[in-house]
N, C-alpha and C. Protein backbone atom coordinates (compact mmCIF):
# COMPACT_ATOMS: atom_id res chain seq x y z
N MET A 1 76.35 137.15 60.79
CA MET A 1 75.72 135.86 60.74
C MET A 1 76.02 135.11 62.04
N ILE A 2 75.00 134.56 62.65
CA ILE A 2 75.17 133.83 63.89
C ILE A 2 74.93 132.34 63.63
N ASN A 3 75.88 131.52 64.06
CA ASN A 3 75.81 130.07 63.88
C ASN A 3 75.72 129.37 65.23
N ARG A 4 75.32 128.11 65.22
CA ARG A 4 75.32 127.30 66.43
C ARG A 4 76.65 126.58 66.61
N HIS A 5 77.27 126.18 65.53
CA HIS A 5 78.55 125.47 65.58
C HIS A 5 79.44 126.06 64.49
N SER A 6 80.70 126.02 64.73
CA SER A 6 81.62 126.56 63.76
C SER A 6 82.94 125.82 63.85
N GLY A 7 83.72 125.96 62.85
CA GLY A 7 85.07 125.44 62.92
C GLY A 7 85.99 126.51 63.47
N CYS A 8 87.08 126.08 64.04
CA CYS A 8 88.11 127.03 64.47
C CYS A 8 88.52 127.81 63.22
N PRO A 9 88.58 129.14 63.30
CA PRO A 9 88.97 129.90 62.11
C PRO A 9 90.41 129.62 61.66
N LEU A 10 91.18 128.98 62.54
CA LEU A 10 92.58 128.69 62.21
C LEU A 10 92.78 127.29 61.64
N CYS A 11 92.11 126.27 62.23
CA CYS A 11 92.34 124.89 61.80
C CYS A 11 91.09 124.17 61.30
N GLY A 12 89.90 124.74 61.54
CA GLY A 12 88.66 124.11 61.11
C GLY A 12 88.08 123.11 62.09
N GLY A 13 88.72 122.90 63.26
CA GLY A 13 88.20 121.99 64.27
C GLY A 13 86.80 122.39 64.71
N LYS A 14 85.89 121.44 64.83
CA LYS A 14 84.50 121.73 65.19
C LYS A 14 84.37 122.11 66.67
N LEU A 15 83.82 123.29 66.93
CA LEU A 15 83.67 123.82 68.28
C LEU A 15 82.33 124.50 68.44
N SER A 16 81.70 124.31 69.59
CA SER A 16 80.49 125.06 69.93
C SER A 16 80.91 126.29 70.73
N ALA A 17 79.97 127.16 71.01
CA ALA A 17 80.25 128.35 71.83
C ALA A 17 80.74 127.93 73.22
N THR A 18 80.13 126.90 73.80
CA THR A 18 80.55 126.42 75.12
C THR A 18 81.97 125.86 75.06
N ASP A 19 82.31 125.13 74.00
CA ASP A 19 83.68 124.63 73.84
C ASP A 19 84.67 125.78 73.83
N LEU A 20 84.33 126.86 73.12
CA LEU A 20 85.23 128.00 73.05
C LEU A 20 85.35 128.72 74.39
N LEU A 21 84.25 128.85 75.11
CA LEU A 21 84.33 129.47 76.44
C LEU A 21 85.17 128.62 77.38
N ASN A 22 85.04 127.30 77.27
CA ASN A 22 85.86 126.41 78.09
C ASN A 22 87.35 126.51 77.74
N ALA A 23 87.67 126.94 76.52
CA ALA A 23 89.05 127.09 76.09
C ALA A 23 89.66 128.43 76.49
N CYS A 24 88.86 129.33 77.05
CA CYS A 24 89.36 130.64 77.46
C CYS A 24 90.19 130.51 78.73
N ASP A 25 91.27 131.30 78.79
CA ASP A 25 92.16 131.24 79.95
C ASP A 25 92.30 132.56 80.70
N GLY A 26 91.62 133.60 80.25
CA GLY A 26 91.69 134.87 80.99
C GLY A 26 91.16 136.02 80.17
N VAL A 27 91.16 137.19 80.80
CA VAL A 27 90.69 138.42 80.15
C VAL A 27 91.85 139.02 79.36
N ALA A 28 91.64 139.21 78.07
CA ALA A 28 92.66 139.81 77.21
C ALA A 28 92.56 141.33 77.23
N ASP A 29 91.34 141.86 77.28
CA ASP A 29 91.10 143.31 77.30
C ASP A 29 89.84 143.58 78.10
N ALA A 30 90.02 144.04 79.34
CA ALA A 30 88.87 144.25 80.23
C ALA A 30 87.97 145.37 79.73
N THR A 31 88.53 146.40 79.12
CA THR A 31 87.74 147.52 78.63
C THR A 31 86.75 147.08 77.56
N LEU A 32 87.20 146.20 76.67
CA LEU A 32 86.34 145.70 75.59
C LEU A 32 85.57 144.45 75.98
N GLY A 33 85.90 143.84 77.13
CA GLY A 33 85.25 142.60 77.54
C GLY A 33 85.66 141.42 76.69
N VAL A 34 86.94 141.36 76.33
CA VAL A 34 87.46 140.33 75.43
C VAL A 34 88.25 139.29 76.22
N LEU A 35 87.99 138.02 75.90
CA LEU A 35 88.69 136.90 76.52
C LEU A 35 89.73 136.32 75.57
N SER A 36 90.78 135.76 76.15
CA SER A 36 91.82 135.08 75.40
C SER A 36 91.57 133.58 75.45
N ALA A 37 91.73 132.90 74.32
CA ALA A 37 91.49 131.46 74.27
C ALA A 37 92.53 130.79 73.37
N ARG A 38 92.66 129.49 73.55
CA ARG A 38 93.49 128.65 72.67
C ARG A 38 92.60 127.54 72.14
N CYS A 39 92.62 127.34 70.84
CA CYS A 39 91.87 126.26 70.23
C CYS A 39 92.36 124.94 70.81
N PRO A 40 91.46 124.08 71.30
CA PRO A 40 91.88 122.80 71.84
C PRO A 40 92.49 121.86 70.80
N PHE A 41 92.26 122.15 69.52
CA PHE A 41 92.81 121.29 68.46
C PHE A 41 94.20 121.75 68.02
N CYS A 42 94.32 123.00 67.60
CA CYS A 42 95.59 123.47 67.03
C CYS A 42 96.39 124.35 67.99
N GLN A 43 95.81 124.70 69.13
CA GLN A 43 96.44 125.58 70.12
C GLN A 43 96.65 127.00 69.60
N GLY A 44 95.96 127.36 68.52
CA GLY A 44 96.05 128.72 67.99
C GLY A 44 95.35 129.71 68.90
N HIS A 45 95.81 130.95 68.91
CA HIS A 45 95.27 132.01 69.76
C HIS A 45 94.00 132.60 69.14
N LEU A 46 92.95 132.69 69.95
CA LEU A 46 91.68 133.28 69.54
C LEU A 46 91.26 134.33 70.57
N GLU A 47 90.48 135.31 70.15
CA GLU A 47 89.90 136.26 71.08
C GLU A 47 88.38 136.20 70.95
N ILE A 48 87.72 136.20 72.10
CA ILE A 48 86.28 135.99 72.17
C ILE A 48 85.66 137.09 73.01
N ARG A 49 84.57 137.68 72.50
CA ARG A 49 83.83 138.67 73.27
C ARG A 49 82.42 138.12 73.52
N PRO A 50 82.12 137.77 74.78
CA PRO A 50 80.79 137.27 75.10
C PRO A 50 79.75 138.39 75.08
N ALA A 51 78.53 138.02 74.74
CA ALA A 51 77.38 138.93 74.76
C ALA A 51 76.17 138.09 75.18
N ALA A 52 75.07 138.73 75.46
CA ALA A 52 73.87 138.00 75.87
C ALA A 52 73.43 137.05 74.75
N GLY A 53 73.46 135.74 75.03
CA GLY A 53 72.98 134.74 74.09
C GLY A 53 73.91 134.37 72.96
N ARG A 54 75.15 134.92 72.97
CA ARG A 54 76.08 134.60 71.89
C ARG A 54 77.51 134.92 72.31
N ILE A 55 78.46 134.43 71.51
CA ILE A 55 79.84 134.88 71.63
C ILE A 55 80.29 135.36 70.26
N ASP A 56 81.13 136.39 70.26
CA ASP A 56 81.72 136.91 69.03
C ASP A 56 83.17 136.46 69.00
N ILE A 57 83.62 135.98 67.85
CA ILE A 57 85.00 135.56 67.67
C ILE A 57 85.65 136.57 66.73
N GLY A 58 86.79 137.08 67.12
CA GLY A 58 87.48 138.07 66.30
C GLY A 58 88.76 138.49 66.99
N TYR A 59 89.12 139.77 66.83
CA TYR A 59 90.35 140.26 67.43
C TYR A 59 90.21 141.72 67.82
N ALA A 60 90.81 142.06 68.98
CA ALA A 60 90.91 143.45 69.41
C ALA A 60 92.00 144.09 68.57
N VAL A 61 91.71 145.27 68.02
CA VAL A 61 92.67 145.97 67.17
C VAL A 61 92.77 147.43 67.58
N GLY A 62 93.86 148.05 67.19
CA GLY A 62 94.07 149.47 67.46
C GLY A 62 94.88 149.68 68.71
N THR A 63 95.54 150.82 68.77
CA THR A 63 96.33 151.15 69.95
C THR A 63 95.71 152.30 70.72
N THR A 64 95.34 153.38 70.03
CA THR A 64 94.75 154.51 70.75
C THR A 64 93.24 154.39 70.84
N SER A 65 92.59 154.01 69.75
CA SER A 65 91.14 153.79 69.81
C SER A 65 90.89 152.30 69.56
N ARG A 66 90.83 151.54 70.63
CA ARG A 66 90.67 150.08 70.56
C ARG A 66 89.25 149.74 70.14
N ARG A 67 89.14 148.68 69.36
CA ARG A 67 87.83 148.14 68.97
C ARG A 67 87.98 146.64 68.78
N PHE A 68 86.85 145.95 68.72
CA PHE A 68 86.85 144.50 68.51
C PHE A 68 86.23 144.23 67.15
N ASP A 69 87.01 143.63 66.25
CA ASP A 69 86.51 143.26 64.93
C ASP A 69 86.00 141.83 64.98
N VAL A 70 84.73 141.64 64.67
CA VAL A 70 84.08 140.34 64.74
C VAL A 70 84.22 139.61 63.42
N ALA A 71 84.73 138.37 63.47
CA ALA A 71 84.82 137.52 62.29
C ALA A 71 83.56 136.68 62.15
N THR A 72 83.06 136.15 63.27
CA THR A 72 81.83 135.35 63.28
C THR A 72 81.24 135.36 64.69
N SER A 73 79.99 135.00 64.79
CA SER A 73 79.30 134.89 66.07
C SER A 73 78.67 133.52 66.19
N LEU A 74 78.65 132.99 67.40
CA LEU A 74 78.03 131.69 67.67
C LEU A 74 76.94 131.85 68.72
N VAL A 75 75.83 131.19 68.51
CA VAL A 75 74.74 131.18 69.49
C VAL A 75 75.22 130.47 70.75
N CYS A 76 74.89 131.04 71.89
CA CYS A 76 75.16 130.40 73.18
C CYS A 76 73.92 130.63 74.04
N ASP A 77 72.94 129.73 73.87
CA ASP A 77 71.64 129.89 74.51
C ASP A 77 71.76 130.13 76.01
N GLY A 78 71.12 131.19 76.48
CA GLY A 78 71.07 131.50 77.90
C GLY A 78 72.31 132.15 78.47
N LEU A 79 73.32 132.47 77.65
CA LEU A 79 74.53 133.09 78.16
C LEU A 79 74.23 134.49 78.68
N GLU A 80 74.72 134.77 79.89
CA GLU A 80 74.56 136.08 80.50
C GLU A 80 75.90 136.57 81.01
N ILE A 81 76.12 137.88 80.93
CA ILE A 81 77.28 138.50 81.56
C ILE A 81 76.81 139.00 82.91
N VAL A 82 77.46 138.53 83.97
CA VAL A 82 77.06 138.85 85.34
C VAL A 82 77.86 140.06 85.81
N ALA A 83 77.15 141.07 86.30
CA ALA A 83 77.81 142.29 86.79
C ALA A 83 78.68 141.97 88.00
N THR A 84 79.84 142.61 88.03
CA THR A 84 80.77 142.44 89.14
C THR A 84 81.48 143.77 89.40
N ASN A 85 81.91 143.98 90.62
CA ASN A 85 82.64 145.19 90.97
C ASN A 85 84.15 144.97 90.93
N GLU A 86 84.58 143.77 90.57
CA GLU A 86 86.00 143.45 90.51
C GLU A 86 86.59 143.96 89.20
N PRO A 87 87.56 144.89 89.26
CA PRO A 87 88.18 145.36 88.01
C PRO A 87 88.97 144.23 87.35
N GLY A 88 88.91 144.19 86.01
CA GLY A 88 89.65 143.17 85.28
C GLY A 88 89.10 141.78 85.40
N CYS A 89 87.83 141.66 85.82
CA CYS A 89 87.21 140.35 86.03
C CYS A 89 85.93 140.26 85.20
N LEU A 90 85.68 139.11 84.60
CA LEU A 90 84.48 138.90 83.80
C LEU A 90 83.82 137.60 84.26
N HIS A 91 82.55 137.69 84.66
CA HIS A 91 81.77 136.54 85.10
C HIS A 91 80.69 136.27 84.06
N LEU A 92 80.58 135.01 83.66
CA LEU A 92 79.56 134.58 82.70
C LEU A 92 78.76 133.45 83.29
N LYS A 93 77.49 133.37 82.87
CA LYS A 93 76.62 132.31 83.37
C LYS A 93 75.77 131.80 82.22
N SER A 94 75.65 130.47 82.13
CA SER A 94 74.73 129.84 81.19
C SER A 94 73.91 128.83 82.00
N PRO A 95 72.89 128.25 81.43
CA PRO A 95 72.11 127.27 82.17
C PRO A 95 72.95 126.07 82.65
N GLU A 96 74.05 125.76 81.95
CA GLU A 96 74.85 124.59 82.31
C GLU A 96 76.09 124.91 83.13
N ARG A 97 76.57 126.16 83.12
CA ARG A 97 77.89 126.43 83.69
C ARG A 97 78.04 127.89 84.09
N ILE A 98 78.99 128.14 84.98
CA ILE A 98 79.41 129.49 85.37
C ILE A 98 80.90 129.60 85.10
N TRP A 99 81.34 130.71 84.51
CA TRP A 99 82.75 130.96 84.24
C TRP A 99 83.17 132.24 84.95
N GLU A 100 84.40 132.27 85.40
CA GLU A 100 84.99 133.46 85.99
C GLU A 100 86.40 133.64 85.41
N PHE A 101 86.61 134.78 84.78
CA PHE A 101 87.89 135.06 84.13
C PHE A 101 88.50 136.31 84.74
N HIS A 102 89.85 136.33 84.84
CA HIS A 102 90.57 137.45 85.40
C HIS A 102 91.65 137.92 84.43
N GLU A 103 91.96 139.20 84.52
CA GLU A 103 93.06 139.75 83.74
C GLU A 103 94.37 139.22 84.27
N ALA A 104 95.27 138.89 83.37
CA ALA A 104 96.58 138.35 83.81
C ALA A 104 97.53 139.46 84.19
């Protein structure tokens, strides 16, 4: 199910997809394309995987065969993943903003 707005899965604080992308602080798993974020309300840890036109909220799981389990998805109109040759780097673009994240 894809929503336009959602509450933080940890505290229920109202956040849009753009709010969640703004809360991201780096790449958590470059292979899966997963970003690490902190909820601006409760400071709880979230993992976000961007995709064309949406973001998926969930968690990377597994040690040998890693996968991303999606809890919910939010619409993010016009979101694009921009190709880059930089390892461990993820570039995103929307009509309003550009984001650049790096692996820590």
